[in-house]
Each structure stands twice: as C-alpha cells, then as structure tokens.
Amino acid sequence: MMFLSIGLGILMAVSLITVVSIFTGGASKTGSTTTLFTHESIDGRTVEPFSLPALETSATLHVPWTHGTPTVLVFFASWCTACQTELPAVAHYESTHAHDGVAFFGMDSNDVQSLGAAFARAHHVKFPSAYDNNGTVANGTFFLSGLPDTVFVNAKGVVKELVSGPITNAQLDAGIREIQS
C-alpha cells in the first residue's frame, strides 16, 4: 500500500511539472545552452535599474546601466560547482581584456553572504559584486533557473544576451560587442 501511495505521488508530481512547463513556456534557447525557464526568453526585455547590498561591505550598489553603462552581469554562488571554474575565468578575463565602457557586475545569488564574499575574494574578483540573498533578482527579475549565468545588458537596460552555464571568452567577446553597439 505504501509503494502504491509513493508511486501515485510521483506520478502526480511529474504531471504537475509537465502542466506547469507547458503553461509557462517550457524550454528557451539562449546563447549556446538550452535552459528551462518559467517564461519566454528575456532577450530584448528592458530591466529597470535596481540596487542591492554590496557583497563585501555595507554599501549599496546600483547596477551600472542606472548611469548608462552597458553591463555584464555575472551570477554565481559559493555552492555552485560550475562556478568554481567559471568565476575565476571571468575574473581573469575582466582584468586582462579591453572592454571599453562596459562594466562587469557580480551577483552572488541564493548564498550565504560571508561564503559568497570569501568565494569572490579567493577567485580574485575585482569588479563590484552585490548580494542577492534569496535570489529575488536572479529568479524574479531575470528568471534564471540555475547558476552560473551571464546576462548582457545595454546602456538602456535592455537584455541583449543570456548565457546559461559556464561562459567562454568567445561568448564574452561577442556579448560585449553586442552591448557596446
């Protein structure tokens, strides 16, 4: 009897997930990776400026497009296995490549602030990073379903590209070119 109840519960859960996926947009192709979202693609959407607490200080950080600066938003967390490789690569890219007029902005999401700060320091992140405690920005504003993610936002706050999963230097180059134009 117990196994029958468990089986019915699993069947109901799978059915519910399928129905929710159908009504909320299912899979969306972004960048070079397929990611499941709860809505249609965010490419082309305007994102209102917002501010969050700084990851390592008590300051409040405003996203750079608030002041008309194209922005590379780098979403990460200390617990994210893929971020262990991706974040140091992005930090190295940011410090060694020309990206005239484009700001990098980190977003430690769904994490413990002290762990996120230590993670960013350990990987030599020099760009400003904010603390998105409960994923309000990652999940609510950008509808991200996992980490790492990189979002390219132009100077007017329009999302031009989303790369879900670890990003390559070639993808960074292309995304930066897209938001500079």
Protein backbone atom coordinates (compact mmCIF):
# COMPACT_ATOMS: atom_id res chain seq x y z
CA MET A 1 0.00 0.00 0.00
CA MET A 2 2.83 2.39 0.87
CA PHE A 3 4.52 1.79 -2.50
CA LEU A 4 1.27 2.49 -4.32
CA SER A 5 0.93 5.82 -2.47
CA ILE A 6 4.51 6.78 -3.28
CA GLY A 7 4.03 5.83 -6.92
CA LEU A 8 0.85 7.89 -7.19
CA GLY A 9 2.60 10.83 -5.54
CA ILE A 10 5.47 10.68 -8.03
CA LEU A 11 3.04 10.40 -10.94
CA MET A 12 1.11 13.45 -9.70
CA ALA A 13 4.32 15.45 -9.25
CA VAL A 14 5.55 14.64 -12.76
CA SER A 15 2.13 15.52 -14.20
CA LEU A 16 2.09 18.84 -12.33
CA ILE A 17 5.60 19.72 -13.54
CA THR A 18 4.61 18.91 -17.12
CA VAL A 19 1.47 21.07 -16.94
CA VAL A 20 3.35 24.00 -15.35
CA SER A 21 6.07 23.72 -18.01
CA ILE A 22 3.50 23.83 -20.80
CA PHE A 23 1.76 26.91 -19.37
CA THR A 24 4.94 28.80 -18.52
CA GLY A 25 6.93 28.50 -21.70
CA GLY A 26 8.93 25.29 -21.39
CA ALA A 27 12.43 25.38 -22.83
CA SER A 28 14.05 28.53 -24.16
CA LYS A 29 17.20 28.60 -26.28
CA THR A 30 19.65 31.24 -25.07
CA GLY A 31 23.25 31.66 -26.09
CA SER A 32 24.65 28.23 -26.78
CA THR A 33 22.89 26.42 -23.95
CA THR A 34 19.30 25.27 -23.55
CA THR A 35 17.83 26.26 -20.20
CA LEU A 36 14.39 25.76 -18.70
CA PHE A 37 12.61 28.98 -17.75
CA THR A 38 9.24 29.73 -16.26
CA HIS A 39 8.58 32.27 -19.03
CA GLU A 40 9.61 33.16 -22.54
CA SER A 41 13.16 34.33 -23.28
CA ILE A 42 14.32 37.53 -21.56
CA ASP A 43 16.30 38.72 -24.59
CA GLY A 44 15.03 42.14 -25.64
CA ARG A 45 13.33 42.91 -22.34
CA THR A 46 14.08 46.16 -20.53
CA VAL A 47 15.19 45.65 -16.94
CA GLU A 48 14.59 48.53 -14.56
CA PRO A 49 17.64 49.64 -12.58
CA PHE A 50 17.89 48.20 -9.09
CA SER A 51 20.25 48.29 -6.14
CA LEU A 52 21.40 45.64 -3.70
CA PRO A 53 23.77 45.43 -0.75
CA ALA A 54 27.41 45.05 -1.68
CA LEU A 55 28.76 41.56 -1.17
CA GLU A 56 31.70 42.60 0.99
CA THR A 57 30.72 45.95 2.54
CA SER A 58 27.70 47.66 3.99
CA ALA A 59 27.38 49.87 0.90
CA THR A 60 24.50 49.75 -1.54
CA LEU A 61 25.41 49.02 -5.16
CA HIS A 62 23.42 50.29 -8.12
CA VAL A 63 23.58 48.39 -11.38
CA PRO A 64 25.76 50.23 -13.92
CA TRP A 65 23.03 50.72 -16.54
CA THR A 66 21.44 53.09 -13.99
CA HIS A 67 24.04 55.58 -15.25
CA GLY A 68 24.00 54.49 -18.91
CA THR A 69 26.82 51.94 -18.75
CA PRO A 70 26.50 48.64 -20.64
CA THR A 71 26.83 45.81 -18.13
CA VAL A 72 27.93 42.19 -17.97
CA LEU A 73 26.02 40.65 -15.03
CA VAL A 74 27.80 37.59 -13.67
CA PHE A 75 25.57 35.40 -11.47
CA PHE A 76 27.38 32.99 -9.13
CA ALA A 77 27.29 31.34 -5.70
CA SER A 78 29.87 29.69 -3.48
CA TRP A 79 27.96 26.37 -3.51
CA CYS A 80 27.78 26.25 -7.33
CA THR A 81 30.15 23.57 -8.68
CA ALA A 82 30.34 25.06 -12.19
CA CYS A 83 31.06 28.49 -10.67
CA GLN A 84 34.28 27.08 -9.16
CA THR A 85 35.79 27.11 -12.65
CA GLU A 86 33.75 29.80 -14.35
CA LEU A 87 34.13 32.69 -11.86
CA PRO A 88 37.95 32.71 -11.82
CA ALA A 89 37.96 32.55 -15.63
CA VAL A 90 35.57 35.53 -15.86
CA ALA A 91 37.58 37.47 -13.25
CA HIS A 92 40.76 36.81 -15.25
CA TYR A 93 39.05 37.84 -18.49
CA GLU A 94 37.75 41.06 -16.93
CA SER A 95 41.19 42.02 -15.62
CA THR A 96 43.12 41.19 -18.81
CA HIS A 97 40.85 42.15 -21.72
CA ALA A 98 39.79 45.55 -23.02
CA HIS A 99 36.08 46.12 -22.63
CA ASP A 100 35.85 49.85 -23.23
CA GLY A 101 32.90 51.42 -21.49
CA VAL A 102 31.42 48.11 -20.31
CA ALA A 103 31.13 47.32 -16.61
CA PHE A 104 31.27 43.87 -15.05
CA PHE A 105 28.94 43.40 -12.08
CA GLY A 106 28.81 40.27 -9.92
CA MET A 107 25.65 38.86 -8.37
CA ASP A 108 26.11 36.38 -5.53
CA SER A 109 22.71 34.72 -5.52
CA ASN A 110 20.95 32.34 -3.13
CA ASP A 111 24.03 32.11 -0.97
CA VAL A 112 25.36 32.86 2.50
CA GLN A 113 26.89 36.33 2.23
CA SER A 114 30.12 35.50 4.08
CA LEU A 115 30.66 32.40 1.93
CA GLY A 116 29.97 34.34 -1.28
CA ALA A 117 32.38 37.10 -0.24
CA ALA A 118 35.12 34.59 0.60
CA PHE A 119 34.47 32.80 -2.70
CA ALA A 120 34.79 36.04 -4.70
CA ARG A 121 38.00 37.03 -2.85
CA ALA A 122 39.53 33.58 -3.35
CA HIS A 123 38.93 33.87 -7.09
CA HIS A 124 40.31 37.43 -7.35
CA VAL A 125 37.06 39.09 -8.39
CA LYS A 126 37.84 42.80 -8.69
CA PHE A 127 34.54 44.00 -10.18
CA PRO A 128 31.77 45.14 -7.83
CA SER A 129 29.55 42.34 -6.63
CA ALA A 130 26.15 42.54 -4.96
CA TYR A 131 24.45 40.14 -2.60
CA ASP A 132 21.13 38.73 -3.87
CA ASN A 133 20.23 36.96 -0.65
CA ASN A 134 17.17 34.97 -1.62
CA GLY A 135 17.53 35.13 -5.41
CA THR A 136 14.99 37.92 -5.88
CA VAL A 137 16.97 39.35 -8.79
CA ALA A 138 18.24 36.06 -10.23
CA ASN A 139 14.91 34.28 -10.08
CA GLY A 140 12.39 37.13 -10.01
CA THR A 141 13.91 39.72 -12.34
CA PHE A 142 15.89 37.54 -14.75
CA PHE A 143 14.01 34.23 -14.30
CA LEU A 144 17.24 32.26 -14.02
CA SER A 145 16.90 28.61 -13.16
CA GLY A 146 20.47 27.75 -12.23
CA LEU A 147 24.00 29.04 -11.93
CA PRO A 148 26.30 30.24 -13.33
CA ASP A 149 24.59 32.66 -15.70
CA THR A 150 25.83 35.74 -17.53
CA VAL A 151 23.46 38.45 -18.73
CA PHE A 152 24.49 41.21 -21.12
CA VAL A 153 22.51 44.42 -20.60
CA ASN A 154 22.97 47.50 -22.80
CA ALA A 155 23.20 51.10 -21.55
CA LYS A 156 19.41 51.48 -21.72
CA GLY A 157 18.73 48.41 -19.59
CA VAL A 158 17.77 46.12 -22.46
CA VAL A 159 18.85 42.48 -22.14
CA LYS A 160 20.78 41.59 -25.29
CA GLU A 161 22.04 38.11 -24.42
CA LEU A 162 21.81 35.46 -21.73
CA VAL A 163 24.39 32.70 -21.49
CA SER A 164 23.34 29.97 -19.10
CA GLY A 165 26.10 27.80 -17.70
CA PRO A 166 29.83 28.44 -17.84
CA ILE A 167 30.72 31.16 -20.34
CA THR A 168 33.69 31.14 -22.72
CA ASN A 169 35.95 34.04 -23.66
CA ALA A 170 34.47 33.97 -27.18
CA GLN A 171 30.97 34.34 -25.71
CA LEU A 172 32.16 37.20 -23.50
CA ASP A 173 33.72 38.92 -26.54
CA ALA A 174 30.51 38.54 -28.56
CA GLY A 175 28.24 39.67 -25.73
CA ILE A 176 30.36 42.73 -25.02
CA ARG A 177 30.33 43.70 -28.71
CA GLU A 178 26.55 43.34 -28.68
CA ILE A 179 26.01 45.71 -25.73
CA GLN A 180 28.57 48.26 -26.93
CA SER A 181 26.64 48.94 -30.14
